[in-house]
Each structure stands twice: as structure tokens, then as C-alpha cells.
Amino acid sequence: MDVTHLPQFRPYSFLHVSIDTYSGFLWATPHRGEATPKVIHHLLACFAVMGRPSQIKTDNAPAYCSTALSIFCAQWDVCLKHGIPYNSTGQAIVERANCRLKTLLDKQLKQGELHL
């Protein structure tokens, strides 16, 4: 799970991204920020579409290390794991998905297939 930034989608320029590492299924939701309440809102939508996961792996961003997110995950019986600080390779799968997603959205914007 990660957040990527798409300034061209203002005011919803924060794209929260989750990927199921088993199936490769990607779920992204646009938000106005990247704080914990936005993360929880994304996770609720994600759970509705993908089902409740047994664990979630994130980086060490403040929204992911918050007490509120820990409580939310405990309530949903989801193990919350954090990557090694300052080591982006631990998040390689979602970082690559972010890159692919940005490329596809940019192509659609340039071809006029996506309207903001």
C-alpha cells in the first residue's frame, strides 16, 4: 500500500494504491490528502472490492504508523507490517504499480480519453 501524487487531478491529487501481491489486482482511490483518515477510507473501499486481507505492508509514512491505523487494523483483524526505513526496495511491487498507473493515466489524459 502506498500513496502516489498526481498534480493534474487537483484537488484529488493523492492517489492511494493497494495491490494484491498474489493476484496482481490493483485498487486505487483518489483523495484530497494522505492523512490517516484518508488511508482508512481507502482501505474500507479496498476491503469492499478485494475482501479483507490477512496483512497489509506499508512504508513508514506518518499516516501508516499512526495509532488510529493500528487500531483500525486490529479491529479488522489485519496484520499491519512496515518496511525497513529508508529502503524503497521493500515496497518495490507497489512502487512499480504506481509507475505503471501514472503512465497509463498520463496516456489517457494526452489522448483525451480521460476527462477531469
PDB file of N, CA and C in Angstrom:
ATOM      1  N   MET A   1       0.840  -1.162   0.000  1.00  0.00           N
ATOM      2  CA  MET A   1       0.000   0.000   0.000  1.00  0.00           C
ATOM      3  C   MET A   1       0.888   1.228   0.000  1.00  0.00           C
ATOM      4  N   ASP A   2       0.479   2.241  -0.782  1.00  0.00           N
ATOM      5  CA  ASP A   2       1.285   3.443  -0.914  1.00  0.00           C
ATOM      6  C   ASP A   2       0.405   4.585  -1.426  1.00  0.00           C
ATOM      7  N   VAL A   3       0.952   5.783  -1.431  1.00  0.00           N
ATOM      8  CA  VAL A   3       0.292   6.955  -1.999  1.00  0.00           C
ATOM      9  C   VAL A   3       1.184   7.507  -3.094  1.00  0.00           C
ATOM     10  N   THR A   4       0.589   7.818  -4.227  1.00  0.00           N
ATOM     11  CA  THR A   4       1.321   8.474  -5.299  1.00  0.00           C
ATOM     12  C   THR A   4       0.631   9.799  -5.590  1.00  0.00           C
ATOM     13  N   HIS A   5       1.385  10.738  -6.107  1.00  0.00           N
ATOM     14  CA  HIS A   5       0.865  12.093  -6.315  1.00  0.00           C
ATOM     15  C   HIS A   5       0.652  12.364  -7.796  1.00  0.00           C
ATOM     16  N   LEU A   6      -0.526  12.865  -8.119  1.00  0.00           N
ATOM     17  CA  LEU A   6      -0.877  13.231  -9.492  1.00  0.00           C
ATOM     18  C   LEU A   6      -1.413  14.660  -9.487  1.00  0.00           C
ATOM     19  N   PRO A   7      -0.535  15.658  -9.621  1.00  0.00           N
ATOM     20  CA  PRO A   7      -0.962  17.057  -9.538  1.00  0.00           C
ATOM     21  C   PRO A   7      -2.063  17.433 -10.528  1.00  0.00           C
ATOM     22  N   GLN A   8      -2.104  16.779 -11.679  1.00  0.00           N
ATOM     23  CA  GLN A   8      -3.112  17.113 -12.689  1.00  0.00           C
ATOM     24  C   GLN A   8      -4.530  16.742 -12.257  1.00  0.00           C
ATOM     25  N   PHE A   9      -4.696  15.993 -11.195  1.00  0.00           N
ATOM     26  CA  PHE A   9      -6.018  15.604 -10.709  1.00  0.00           C
ATOM     27  C   PHE A   9      -6.504  16.483  -9.560  1.00  0.00           C
ATOM     28  N   ARG A  10      -5.856  17.631  -9.364  1.00  0.00           N
ATOM     29  CA  ARG A  10      -6.251  18.524  -8.270  1.00  0.00           C
ATOM     30  C   ARG A  10      -7.735  18.759  -8.255  1.00  0.00           C
ATOM     31  N   PRO A  11      -8.410  18.780  -7.145  1.00  0.00           N
ATOM     32  CA  PRO A  11      -7.919  18.716  -5.770  1.00  0.00           C
ATOM     33  C   PRO A  11      -7.701  17.290  -5.264  1.00  0.00           C
ATOM     34  N   TYR A  12      -8.043  16.302  -6.061  1.00  0.00           N
ATOM     35  CA  TYR A  12      -7.874  14.898  -5.646  1.00  0.00           C
ATOM     36  C   TYR A  12      -6.550  14.371  -6.187  1.00  0.00           C
ATOM     37  N   SER A  13      -5.458  14.973  -5.772  1.00  0.00           N
ATOM     38  CA  SER A  13      -4.154  14.653  -6.351  1.00  0.00           C
ATOM     39  C   SER A  13      -3.383  13.576  -5.595  1.00  0.00           C
ATOM     40  N   PHE A  14      -3.964  13.036  -4.540  1.00  0.00           N
ATOM     41  CA  PHE A  14      -3.317  11.958  -3.797  1.00  0.00           C
ATOM     42  C   PHE A  14      -4.017  10.649  -4.148  1.00  0.00           C
ATOM     43  N   LEU A  15      -3.317   9.780  -4.831  1.00  0.00           N
ATOM     44  CA  LEU A  15      -3.886   8.511  -5.260  1.00  0.00           C
ATOM     45  C   LEU A  15      -3.378   7.402  -4.338  1.00  0.00           C
ATOM     46  N   HIS A  16      -4.268   6.878  -3.506  1.00  0.00           N
ATOM     47  CA  HIS A  16      -3.914   5.791  -2.594  1.00  0.00           C
ATOM     48  C   HIS A  16      -4.008   4.485  -3.387  1.00  0.00           C
ATOM     49  N   VAL A  17      -2.953   3.690  -3.324  1.00  0.00           N
ATOM     50  CA  VAL A  17      -2.841   2.494  -4.164  1.00  0.00           C
ATOM     51  C   VAL A  17      -2.586   1.265  -3.299  1.00  0.00           C
ATOM     52  N   SER A  18      -3.359   0.221  -3.555  1.00  0.00           N
ATOM     53  CA  SER A  18      -3.141  -1.083  -2.921  1.00  0.00           C
ATOM     54  C   SER A  18      -3.048  -2.127  -4.020  1.00  0.00           C
ATOM     55  N   ILE A  19      -2.202  -3.105  -3.804  1.00  0.00           N
ATOM     56  CA  ILE A  19      -2.063  -4.185  -4.782  1.00  0.00           C
ATOM     57  C   ILE A  19      -2.032  -5.520  -4.045  1.00  0.00           C
ATOM     58  N   ASP A  20      -2.802  -6.455  -4.558  1.00  0.00           N
ATOM     59  CA  ASP A  20      -2.802  -7.809  -4.024  1.00  0.00           C
ATOM     60  C   ASP A  20      -1.594  -8.519  -4.637  1.00  0.00           C
ATOM     61  N   THR A  21      -0.623  -8.868  -3.813  1.00  0.00           N
ATOM     62  CA  THR A  21       0.609  -9.453  -4.342  1.00  0.00           C
ATOM     63  C   THR A  21       0.394 -10.866  -4.905  1.00  0.00           C
ATOM     64  N   TYR A  22      -0.685 -11.509  -4.529  1.00  0.00           N
ATOM     65  CA  TYR A  22      -0.958 -12.853  -5.058  1.00  0.00           C
ATOM     66  C   TYR A  22      -1.543 -12.783  -6.469  1.00  0.00           C
ATOM     67  N   SER A  23      -2.573 -11.967  -6.647  1.00  0.00           N
ATOM     68  CA  SER A  23      -3.252 -11.911  -7.946  1.00  0.00           C
ATOM     69  C   SER A  23      -2.762 -10.776  -8.838  1.00  0.00           C
ATOM     70  N   GLY A  24      -2.127  -9.762  -8.240  1.00  0.00           N
ATOM     71  CA  GLY A  24      -1.713  -8.596  -9.005  1.00  0.00           C
ATOM     72  C   GLY A  24      -2.817  -7.563  -9.161  1.00  0.00           C
ATOM     73  N   PHE A  25      -3.968  -7.800  -8.545  1.00  0.00           N
ATOM     74  CA  PHE A  25      -5.098  -6.873  -8.632  1.00  0.00           C
ATOM     75  C   PHE A  25      -4.737  -5.552  -7.972  1.00  0.00           C
ATOM     76  N   LEU A  26      -4.967  -4.457  -8.678  1.00  0.00           N
ATOM     77  CA  LEU A  26      -4.626  -3.134  -8.184  1.00  0.00           C
ATOM     78  C   LEU A  26      -5.892  -2.343  -7.915  1.00  0.00           C
ATOM     79  N   TRP A  27      -5.930  -1.656  -6.773  1.00  0.00           N
ATOM     80  CA  TRP A  27      -7.062  -0.807  -6.432  1.00  0.00           C
ATOM     81  C   TRP A  27      -6.510   0.551  -6.035  1.00  0.00           C
ATOM     82  N   ALA A  28      -7.026   1.601  -6.650  1.00  0.00           N
ATOM     83  CA  ALA A  28      -6.573   2.958  -6.348  1.00  0.00           C
ATOM     84  C   ALA A  28      -7.782   3.864  -6.146  1.00  0.00           C
ATOM     85  N   THR A  29      -7.668   4.756  -5.168  1.00  0.00           N
ATOM     86  CA  THR A  29      -8.736   5.715  -4.908  1.00  0.00           C
ATOM     87  C   THR A  29      -8.131   7.109  -4.770  1.00  0.00           C
ATOM     88  N   PRO A  30      -8.751   8.114  -5.406  1.00  0.00           N
ATOM     89  CA  PRO A  30      -8.242   9.486  -5.294  1.00  0.00           C
ATOM     90  C   PRO A  30      -8.747  10.161  -4.018  1.00  0.00           C
ATOM     91  N   HIS A  31      -7.882  10.941  -3.397  1.00  0.00           N
ATOM     92  CA  HIS A  31      -8.234  11.652  -2.169  1.00  0.00           C
ATOM     93  C   HIS A  31      -7.607  13.034  -2.177  1.00  0.00           C
ATOM     94  N   ARG A  32      -8.068  13.874  -1.254  1.00  0.00           N
ATOM     95  CA  ARG A  32      -7.541  15.235  -1.130  1.00  0.00           C
ATOM     96  C   ARG A  32      -6.314  15.304  -0.228  1.00  0.00           C
ATOM     97  N   GLY A  33      -5.922  14.203   0.369  1.00  0.00           N
ATOM     98  CA  GLY A  33      -4.769  14.201   1.264  1.00  0.00           C
ATOM     99  C   GLY A  33      -4.273  12.796   1.501  1.00  0.00           C
ATOM    100  N   GLU A  34      -3.245  12.705   2.337  1.00  0.00           N
ATOM    101  CA  GLU A  34      -2.678  11.393   2.628  1.00  0.00           C
ATOM    102  C   GLU A  34      -2.651  11.086   4.123  1.00  0.00           C
ATOM    103  N   ALA A  35      -3.457  11.793   4.893  1.00  0.00           N
ATOM    104  CA  ALA A  35      -3.528  11.577   6.338  1.00  0.00           C
ATOM    105  C   ALA A  35      -4.259  10.270   6.654  1.00  0.00           C
ATOM    106  N   THR A  36      -4.168   9.861   7.902  1.00  0.00           N
ATOM    107  CA  THR A  36      -4.741   8.584   8.339  1.00  0.00           C
ATOM    108  C   THR A  36      -6.222   8.412   7.992  1.00  0.00           C
ATOM    109  N   PRO A  37      -7.089   9.417   8.195  1.00  0.00           N
ATOM    110  CA  PRO A  37      -8.497   9.210   7.821  1.00  0.00           C
ATOM    111  C   PRO A  37      -8.673   8.876   6.330  1.00  0.00           C
ATOM    112  N   LYS A  38      -7.844   9.446   5.479  1.00  0.00           N
ATOM    113  CA  LYS A  38      -7.912   9.140   4.039  1.00  0.00           C
ATOM    114  C   LYS A  38      -7.453   7.709   3.780  1.00  0.00           C
ATOM    115  N   VAL A  39      -6.423   7.276   4.504  1.00  0.00           N
ATOM    116  CA  VAL A  39      -5.928   5.903   4.371  1.00  0.00           C
ATOM    117  C   VAL A  39      -7.019   4.918   4.784  1.00  0.00           C
ATOM    118  N   ILE A  40      -7.684   5.195   5.882  1.00  0.00           N
ATOM    119  CA  ILE A  40      -8.756   4.316   6.362  1.00  0.00           C
ATOM    120  C   ILE A  40      -9.911   4.291   5.361  1.00  0.00           C
ATOM    121  N   HIS A  41     -10.265   5.441   4.812  1.00  0.00           N
ATOM    122  CA  HIS A  41     -11.326   5.496   3.793  1.00  0.00           C
ATOM    123  C   HIS A  41     -10.933   4.636   2.586  1.00  0.00           C
ATOM    124  N   HIS A  42      -9.677   4.730   2.154  1.00  0.00           N
ATOM    125  CA  HIS A  42      -9.198   3.907   1.035  1.00  0.00           C
ATOM    126  C   HIS A  42      -9.290   2.424   1.388  1.00  0.00           C
ATOM    127  N   LEU A  43      -8.861   2.080   2.595  1.00  0.00           N
ATOM    128  CA  LEU A  43      -8.889   0.664   2.990  1.00  0.00           C
ATOM    129  C   LEU A  43     -10.305   0.109   3.033  1.00  0.00           C
ATOM    130  N   LEU A  44     -11.260   0.889   3.511  1.00  0.00           N
ATOM    131  CA  LEU A  44     -12.646   0.420   3.537  1.00  0.00           C
ATOM    132  C   LEU A  44     -13.156   0.133   2.121  1.00  0.00           C
ATOM    133  N   ALA A  45     -12.842   1.024   1.188  1.00  0.00           N
ATOM    134  CA  ALA A  45     -13.230   0.792  -0.210  1.00  0.00           C
ATOM    135  C   ALA A  45     -12.501  -0.428  -0.766  1.00  0.00           C
ATOM    136  N   CYS A  46     -11.252  -0.546  -0.417  1.00  0.00           N
ATOM    137  CA  CYS A  46     -10.438  -1.678  -0.877  1.00  0.00           C
ATOM    138  C   CYS A  46     -10.990  -3.008  -0.339  1.00  0.00           C
ATOM    139  N   PHE A  47     -11.340  -3.035   0.939  1.00  0.00           N
ATOM    140  CA  PHE A  47     -11.900  -4.253   1.537  1.00  0.00           C
ATOM    141  C   PHE A  47     -13.213  -4.628   0.861  1.00  0.00           C
ATOM    142  N   ALA A  48     -14.017  -3.639   0.501  1.00  0.00           N
ATOM    143  CA  ALA A  48     -15.299  -3.898  -0.147  1.00  0.00           C
ATOM    144  C   ALA A  48     -15.111  -4.560  -1.513  1.00  0.00           C
ATOM    145  N   VAL A  49     -14.064  -4.184  -2.203  1.00  0.00           N
ATOM    146  CA  VAL A  49     -13.825  -4.714  -3.550  1.00  0.00           C
ATOM    147  C   VAL A  49     -12.985  -5.989  -3.520  1.00  0.00           C
ATOM    148  N   MET A  50     -11.908  -5.972  -2.742  1.00  0.00           N
ATOM    149  CA  MET A  50     -10.933  -7.067  -2.758  1.00  0.00           C
ATOM    150  C   MET A  50     -11.106  -8.068  -1.621  1.00  0.00           C
ATOM    151  N   GLY A  51     -11.898  -7.710  -0.626  1.00  0.00           N
ATOM    152  CA  GLY A  51     -12.024  -8.554   0.555  1.00  0.00           C
ATOM    153  C   GLY A  51     -11.017  -8.136   1.615  1.00  0.00           C
ATOM    154  N   ARG A  52     -11.210  -8.615   2.821  1.00  0.00           N
ATOM    155  CA  ARG A  52     -10.307  -8.280   3.924  1.00  0.00           C
ATOM    156  C   ARG A  52      -9.030  -9.092   3.804  1.00  0.00           C
ATOM    157  N   PRO A  53      -7.877  -8.418   3.777  1.00  0.00           N
ATOM    158  CA  PRO A  53      -6.613  -9.152   3.677  1.00  0.00           C
ATOM    159  C   PRO A  53      -6.174  -9.666   5.044  1.00  0.00           C
ATOM    160  N   SER A  54      -5.257 -10.606   5.053  1.00  0.00           N
ATOM    161  CA  SER A  54      -4.717 -11.065   6.329  1.00  0.00           C
ATOM    162  C   SER A  54      -3.621 -10.123   6.814  1.00  0.00           C
ATOM    163  N   GLN A  55      -2.935  -9.468   5.866  1.00  0.00           N
ATOM    164  CA  GLN A  55      -1.922  -8.495   6.260  1.00  0.00           C
ATOM    165  C   GLN A  55      -1.776  -7.406   5.209  1.00  0.00           C
ATOM    166  N   ILE A  56      -1.277  -6.261   5.661  1.00  0.00           N
ATOM    167  CA  ILE A  56      -1.017  -5.118   4.796  1.00  0.00           C
ATOM    168  C   ILE A  56       0.414  -4.684   5.057  1.00  0.00           C
ATOM    169  N   LYS A  57       1.158  -4.462   3.985  1.00  0.00           N
ATOM    170  CA  LYS A  57       2.531  -3.975   4.124  1.00  0.00           C
ATOM    171  C   LYS A  57       2.591  -2.557   3.589  1.00  0.00           C
ATOM    172  N   THR A  58       3.176  -1.661   4.382  1.00  0.00           N
ATOM    173  CA  THR A  58       3.296  -0.257   4.005  1.00  0.00           C
ATOM    174  C   THR A  58       4.718   0.222   4.275  1.00  0.00           C
ATOM    175  N   ASP A  59       4.970   1.470   3.858  1.00  0.00           N
ATOM    176  CA  ASP A  59       6.233   2.088   4.241  1.00  0.00           C
ATOM    177  C   ASP A  59       6.039   2.726   5.624  1.00  0.00           C
ATOM    178  N   ASN A  60       6.948   3.573   6.014  1.00  0.00           N
ATOM    179  CA  ASN A  60       6.896   4.155   7.357  1.00  0.00           C
ATOM    180  C   ASN A  60       6.391   5.591   7.369  1.00  0.00           C
ATOM    181  N   ALA A  61       5.518   5.920   6.429  1.00  0.00           N
ATOM    182  CA  ALA A  61       4.939   7.261   6.393  1.00  0.00           C
ATOM    183  C   ALA A  61       4.109   7.472   7.666  1.00  0.00           C
ATOM    184  N   PRO A  62       4.010   8.731   8.121  1.00  0.00           N
ATOM    185  CA  PRO A  62       3.282   9.003   9.373  1.00  0.00           C
ATOM    186  C   PRO A  62       1.853   8.459   9.396  1.00  0.00           C
ATOM    187  N   ALA A  63       1.141   8.528   8.290  1.00  0.00           N
ATOM    188  CA  ALA A  63      -0.243   8.038   8.262  1.00  0.00           C
ATOM    189  C   ALA A  63      -0.310   6.532   8.488  1.00  0.00           C
ATOM    190  N   TYR A  64       0.720   5.809   8.062  1.00  0.00           N
ATOM    191  CA  TYR A  64       0.727   4.354   8.206  1.00  0.00           C
ATOM    192  C   TYR A  64       1.239   3.900   9.573  1.00  0.00           C
ATOM    193  N   CYS A  65       1.944   4.767  10.273  1.00  0.00           N
ATOM    194  CA  CYS A  65       2.479   4.427  11.590  1.00  0.00           C
ATOM    195  C   CYS A  65       1.608   4.964  12.726  1.00  0.00           C
ATOM    196  N   SER A  66       0.469   5.517  12.385  1.00  0.00           N
ATOM    197  CA  SER A  66      -0.381   6.147  13.388  1.00  0.00           C
ATOM    198  C   SER A  66      -1.098   5.119  14.270  1.00  0.00           C
ATOM    199  N   THR A  67      -1.455   5.565  15.451  1.00  0.00           N
ATOM    200  CA  THR A  67      -2.216   4.737  16.386  1.00  0.00           C
ATOM    201  C   THR A  67      -3.600   4.429  15.817  1.00  0.00           C
ATOM    202  N   ALA A  68      -4.198   5.421  15.162  1.00  0.00           N
ATOM    203  CA  ALA A  68      -5.547   5.229  14.602  1.00  0.00           C
ATOM    204  C   ALA A  68      -5.558   4.107  13.563  1.00  0.00           C
ATOM    205  N   LEU A  69      -4.530   4.035  12.723  1.00  0.00           N
ATOM    206  CA  LEU A  69      -4.480   2.963  11.719  1.00  0.00           C
ATOM    207  C   LEU A  69      -4.226   1.616  12.388  1.00  0.00           C
ATOM    208  N   SER A  70      -3.386   1.603  13.404  1.00  0.00           N
ATOM    209  CA  SER A  70      -3.143   0.353  14.149  1.00  0.00           C
ATOM    210  C   SER A  70      -4.426  -0.171  14.772  1.00  0.00           C
ATOM    211  N   ILE A  71      -5.205   0.722  15.360  1.00  0.00           N
ATOM    212  CA  ILE A  71      -6.483   0.333  15.969  1.00  0.00           C
ATOM    213  C   ILE A  71      -7.442  -0.178  14.902  1.00  0.00           C
ATOM    214  N   PHE A  72      -7.520   0.534  13.773  1.00  0.00           N
ATOM    215  CA  PHE A  72      -8.388   0.112  12.666  1.00  0.00           C
ATOM    216  C   PHE A  72      -8.018  -1.298  12.204  1.00  0.00           C
ATOM    217  N   CYS A  73      -6.728  -1.540  11.998  1.00  0.00           N
ATOM    218  CA  CYS A  73      -6.291  -2.869  11.536  1.00  0.00           C
ATOM    219  C   CYS A  73      -6.579  -3.949  12.580  1.00  0.00           C
ATOM    220  N   ALA A  74      -6.405  -3.626  13.848  1.00  0.00           N
ATOM    221  CA  ALA A  74      -6.709  -4.592  14.910  1.00  0.00           C
ATOM    222  C   ALA A  74      -8.199  -4.926  14.921  1.00  0.00           C
ATOM    223  N   GLN A  75      -9.052  -3.919  14.722  1.00  0.00           N
ATOM    224  CA  GLN A  75     -10.489  -4.151  14.687  1.00  0.00           C
ATOM    225  C   GLN A  75     -10.883  -5.052  13.524  1.00  0.00           C
ATOM    226  N   TRP A  76     -10.176  -4.943  12.418  1.00  0.00           N
ATOM    227  CA  TRP A  76     -10.470  -5.758  11.238  1.00  0.00           C
ATOM    228  C   TRP A  76      -9.645  -7.043  11.200  1.00  0.00           C
ATOM    229  N   ASP A  77      -8.860  -7.289  12.238  1.00  0.00           N
ATOM    230  CA  ASP A  77      -8.005  -8.480  12.322  1.00  0.00           C
ATOM    231  C   ASP A  77      -7.060  -8.571  11.124  1.00  0.00           C
ATOM    232  N   VAL A  78      -6.403  -7.452  10.840  1.00  0.00           N
ATOM    233  CA  VAL A  78      -5.438  -7.364   9.749  1.00  0.00           C
ATOM    234  C   VAL A  78      -4.076  -7.043  10.361  1.00  0.00           C
ATOM    235  N   CYS A  79      -3.073  -7.823  10.006  1.00  0.00           N
ATOM    236  CA  CYS A  79      -1.722  -7.591  10.496  1.00  0.00           C
ATOM    237  C   CYS A  79      -1.096  -6.452   9.680  1.00  0.00           C
ATOM    238  N   LEU A  80      -0.659  -5.405  10.349  1.00  0.00           N
ATOM    239  CA  LEU A  80      -0.061  -4.247   9.696  1.00  0.00           C
ATOM    240  C   LEU A  80       1.454  -4.344   9.807  1.00  0.00           C
ATOM    241  N   LYS A  81       2.124  -4.468   8.657  1.00  0.00           N
ATOM    242  CA  LYS A  81       3.584  -4.572   8.639  1.00  0.00           C
ATOM    243  C   LYS A  81       4.169  -3.348   7.964  1.00  0.00           C
ATOM    244  N   HIS A  82       5.317  -2.919   8.468  1.00  0.00           N
ATOM    245  CA  HIS A  82       6.016  -1.770   7.900  1.00  0.00           C
ATOM    246  C   HIS A  82       7.349  -2.233   7.313  1.00  0.00           C
ATOM    247  N   GLY A  83       7.748  -1.588   6.233  1.00  0.00           N
ATOM    248  CA  GLY A  83       9.025  -1.913   5.609  1.00  0.00           C
ATOM    249  C   GLY A  83      10.195  -1.355   6.401  1.00  0.00           C
ATOM    250  N   ILE A  84      11.370  -1.697   5.966  1.00  0.00           N
ATOM    251  CA  ILE A  84      12.590  -1.202   6.591  1.00  0.00           C
ATOM    252  C   ILE A  84      12.714   0.285   6.266  1.00  0.00           C
ATOM    253  N   PRO A  85      12.931   1.134   7.266  1.00  0.00           N
ATOM    254  CA  PRO A  85      13.048   2.570   6.999  1.00  0.00           C
ATOM    255  C   PRO A  85      14.154   2.888   5.982  1.00  0.00           C
ATOM    256  N   TYR A  86      13.870   3.831   5.096  1.00  0.00           N
ATOM    257  CA  TYR A  86      14.788   4.317   4.060  1.00  0.00           C
ATOM    258  C   TYR A  86      15.213   3.233   3.076  1.00  0.00           C
ATOM    259  N   ASN A  87      14.383   2.201   2.922  1.00  0.00           N
ATOM    260  CA  ASN A  87      14.687   1.127   1.984  1.00  0.00           C
ATOM    261  C   ASN A  87      13.484   0.951   1.062  1.00  0.00           C
ATOM    262  N   SER A  88      13.527   1.588  -0.097  1.00  0.00           N
ATOM    263  CA  SER A  88      12.379   1.552  -1.001  1.00  0.00           C
ATOM    264  C   SER A  88      12.195   0.205  -1.688  1.00  0.00           C
ATOM    265  N   THR A  89      13.205  -0.664  -1.668  1.00  0.00           N
ATOM    266  CA  THR A  89      13.054  -1.959  -2.331  1.00  0.00           C
ATOM    267  C   THR A  89      12.028  -2.836  -1.633  1.00  0.00           C
ATOM    268  N   GLY A  90      11.754  -2.590  -0.361  1.00  0.00           N
ATOM    269  CA  GLY A  90      10.733  -3.349   0.363  1.00  0.00           C
ATOM    270  C   GLY A  90       9.338  -3.080  -0.167  1.00  0.00           C
ATOM    271  N   GLN A  91       9.170  -1.969  -0.836  1.00  0.00           N
ATOM    272  CA  GLN A  91       7.886  -1.585  -1.405  1.00  0.00           C
ATOM    273  C   GLN A  91       7.934  -1.654  -2.932  1.00  0.00           C
ATOM    274  N   ALA A  92       8.820  -2.452  -3.474  1.00  0.00           N
ATOM    275  CA  ALA A  92       9.062  -2.477  -4.922  1.00  0.00           C
ATOM    276  C   ALA A  92       7.805  -2.806  -5.730  1.00  0.00           C
ATOM    277  N   ILE A  93       6.979  -3.711  -5.257  1.00  0.00           N
ATOM    278  CA  ILE A  93       5.791  -4.121  -6.014  1.00  0.00           C
ATOM    279  C   ILE A  93       4.827  -2.951  -6.174  1.00  0.00           C
ATOM    280  N   VAL A  94       4.522  -2.265  -5.079  1.00  0.00           N
ATOM    281  CA  VAL A  94       3.581  -1.151  -5.169  1.00  0.00           C
ATOM    282  C   VAL A  94       4.222   0.056  -5.851  1.00  0.00           C
ATOM    283  N   GLU A  95       5.514   0.261  -5.700  1.00  0.00           N
ATOM    284  CA  GLU A  95       6.179   1.373  -6.384  1.00  0.00           C
ATOM    285  C   GLU A  95       6.140   1.167  -7.899  1.00  0.00           C
ATOM    286  N   ARG A  96       6.345  -0.056  -8.340  1.00  0.00           N
ATOM    287  CA  ARG A  96       6.261  -0.371  -9.775  1.00  0.00           C
ATOM    288  C   ARG A  96       4.825  -0.194 -10.270  1.00  0.00           C
ATOM    289  N   ALA A  97       3.857  -0.592  -9.453  1.00  0.00           N
ATOM    290  CA  ALA A  97       2.445  -0.409  -9.815  1.00  0.00           C
ATOM    291  C   ALA A  97       2.121   1.073  -9.932  1.00  0.00           C
ATOM    292  N   ASN A  98       2.663   1.892  -9.023  1.00  0.00           N
ATOM    293  CA  ASN A  98       2.457   3.345  -9.096  1.00  0.00           C
ATOM    294  C   ASN A  98       2.974   3.886 -10.426  1.00  0.00           C
ATOM    295  N   CYS A  99       4.140   3.445 -10.825  1.00  0.00           N
ATOM    296  CA  CYS A  99       4.746   3.894 -12.082  1.00  0.00           C
ATOM    297  C   CYS A  99       3.866   3.511 -13.274  1.00  0.00           C
ATOM    298  N   ARG A 100       3.410   2.273 -13.315  1.00  0.00           N
ATOM    299  CA  ARG A 100       2.538   1.810 -14.407  1.00  0.00           C
ATOM    300  C   ARG A 100       1.235   2.597 -14.432  1.00  0.00           C
ATOM    301  N   LEU A 101       0.657   2.809 -13.263  1.00  0.00           N
ATOM    302  CA  LEU A 101      -0.610   3.533 -13.159  1.00  0.00           C
ATOM    303  C   LEU A 101      -0.456   4.970 -13.658  1.00  0.00           C
ATOM    304  N   LYS A 102       0.612   5.646 -13.242  1.00  0.00           N
ATOM    305  CA  LYS A 102       0.852   7.019 -13.693  1.00  0.00           C
ATOM    306  C   LYS A 102       1.033   7.081 -15.210  1.00  0.00           C
ATOM    307  N   THR A 103       1.756   6.124 -15.760  1.00  0.00           N
ATOM    308  CA  THR A 103       1.981   6.079 -17.206  1.00  0.00           C
ATOM    309  C   THR A 103       0.659   5.915 -17.950  1.00  0.00           C
ATOM    310  N   LEU A 104      -0.174   5.004 -17.495  1.00  0.00           N
ATOM    311  CA  LEU A 104      -1.465   4.769 -18.145  1.00  0.00           C
ATOM    312  C   LEU A 104      -2.385   5.987 -18.039  1.00  0.00           C
ATOM    313  N   LEU A 105      -2.442   6.606 -16.876  1.00  0.00           N
ATOM    314  CA  LEU A 105      -3.293   7.781 -16.704  1.00  0.00           C
ATOM    315  C   LEU A 105      -2.794   8.957 -17.546  1.00  0.00           C
ATOM    316  N   ASP A 106      -1.482   9.128 -17.636  1.00  0.00           N
ATOM    317  CA  ASP A 106      -0.922  10.194 -18.484  1.00  0.00           C
ATOM    318  C   ASP A 106      -1.266   9.968 -19.952  1.00  0.00           C
ATOM    319  N   LYS A 107      -1.187   8.716 -20.406  1.00  0.00           N
ATOM    320  CA  LYS A 107      -1.540   8.400 -21.799  1.00  0.00           C
ATOM    321  C   LYS A 107      -3.000   8.743 -22.079  1.00  0.00           C
ATOM    322  N   GLN A 108      -3.873   8.356 -21.145  1.00  0.00           N
ATOM    323  CA  GLN A 108      -5.295   8.632 -21.342  1.00  0.00           C
ATOM    324  C   GLN A 108      -5.589  10.128 -21.337  1.00  0.00           C
ATOM    325  N   LEU A 109      -4.902  10.871 -20.479  1.00  0.00           N
ATOM    326  CA  LEU A 109      -5.089  12.328 -20.462  1.00  0.00           C
ATOM    327  C   LEU A 109      -4.656  12.950 -21.784  1.00  0.00           C
ATOM    328  N   LYS A 110      -3.515  12.517 -22.299  1.00  0.00           N
ATOM    329  CA  LYS A 110      -2.983  13.062 -23.551  1.00  0.00           C
ATOM    330  C   LYS A 110      -3.851  12.702 -24.746  1.00  0.00           C
ATOM    331  N   GLN A 111      -4.464  11.530 -24.719  1.00  0.00           N
ATOM    332  CA  GLN A 111      -5.316  11.102 -25.840  1.00  0.00           C
ATOM    333  C   GLN A 111      -6.743  11.603 -25.694  1.00  0.00           C
ATOM    334  N   GLY A 112      -7.036  12.267 -24.600  1.00  0.00           N
ATOM    335  CA  GLY A 112      -8.373  12.820 -24.396  1.00  0.00           C
ATOM    336  C   GLY A 112      -9.400  11.805 -23.960  1.00  0.00           C
ATOM    337  N   GLU A 113      -8.970  10.625 -23.537  1.00  0.00           N
ATOM    338  CA  GLU A 113      -9.898   9.576 -23.108  1.00  0.00           C
ATOM    339  C   GLU A 113     -10.333   9.756 -21.651  1.00  0.00           C
ATOM    340  N   LEU A 114      -9.566  10.543 -20.913  1.00  0.00           N
ATOM    341  CA  LEU A 114      -9.865  10.750 -19.512  1.00  0.00           C
ATOM    342  C   LEU A 114     -10.144  12.220 -19.310  1.00  0.00           C
ATOM    343  N   HIS A 115     -11.300  12.534 -18.781  1.00  0.00           N
ATOM    344  CA  HIS A 115     -11.700  13.921 -18.588  1.00  0.00           C
ATOM    345  C   HIS A 115     -11.736  14.238 -17.111  1.00  0.00           C
ATOM    346  N   LEU A 116     -11.112  15.348 -16.750  1.00  0.00           N
ATOM    347  CA  LEU A 116     -11.094  15.779 -15.354  1.00  0.00           C
ATOM    348  C   LEU A 116     -12.168  16.782 -15.080  1.00  0.00           C
TER     349      LEU A 116
END
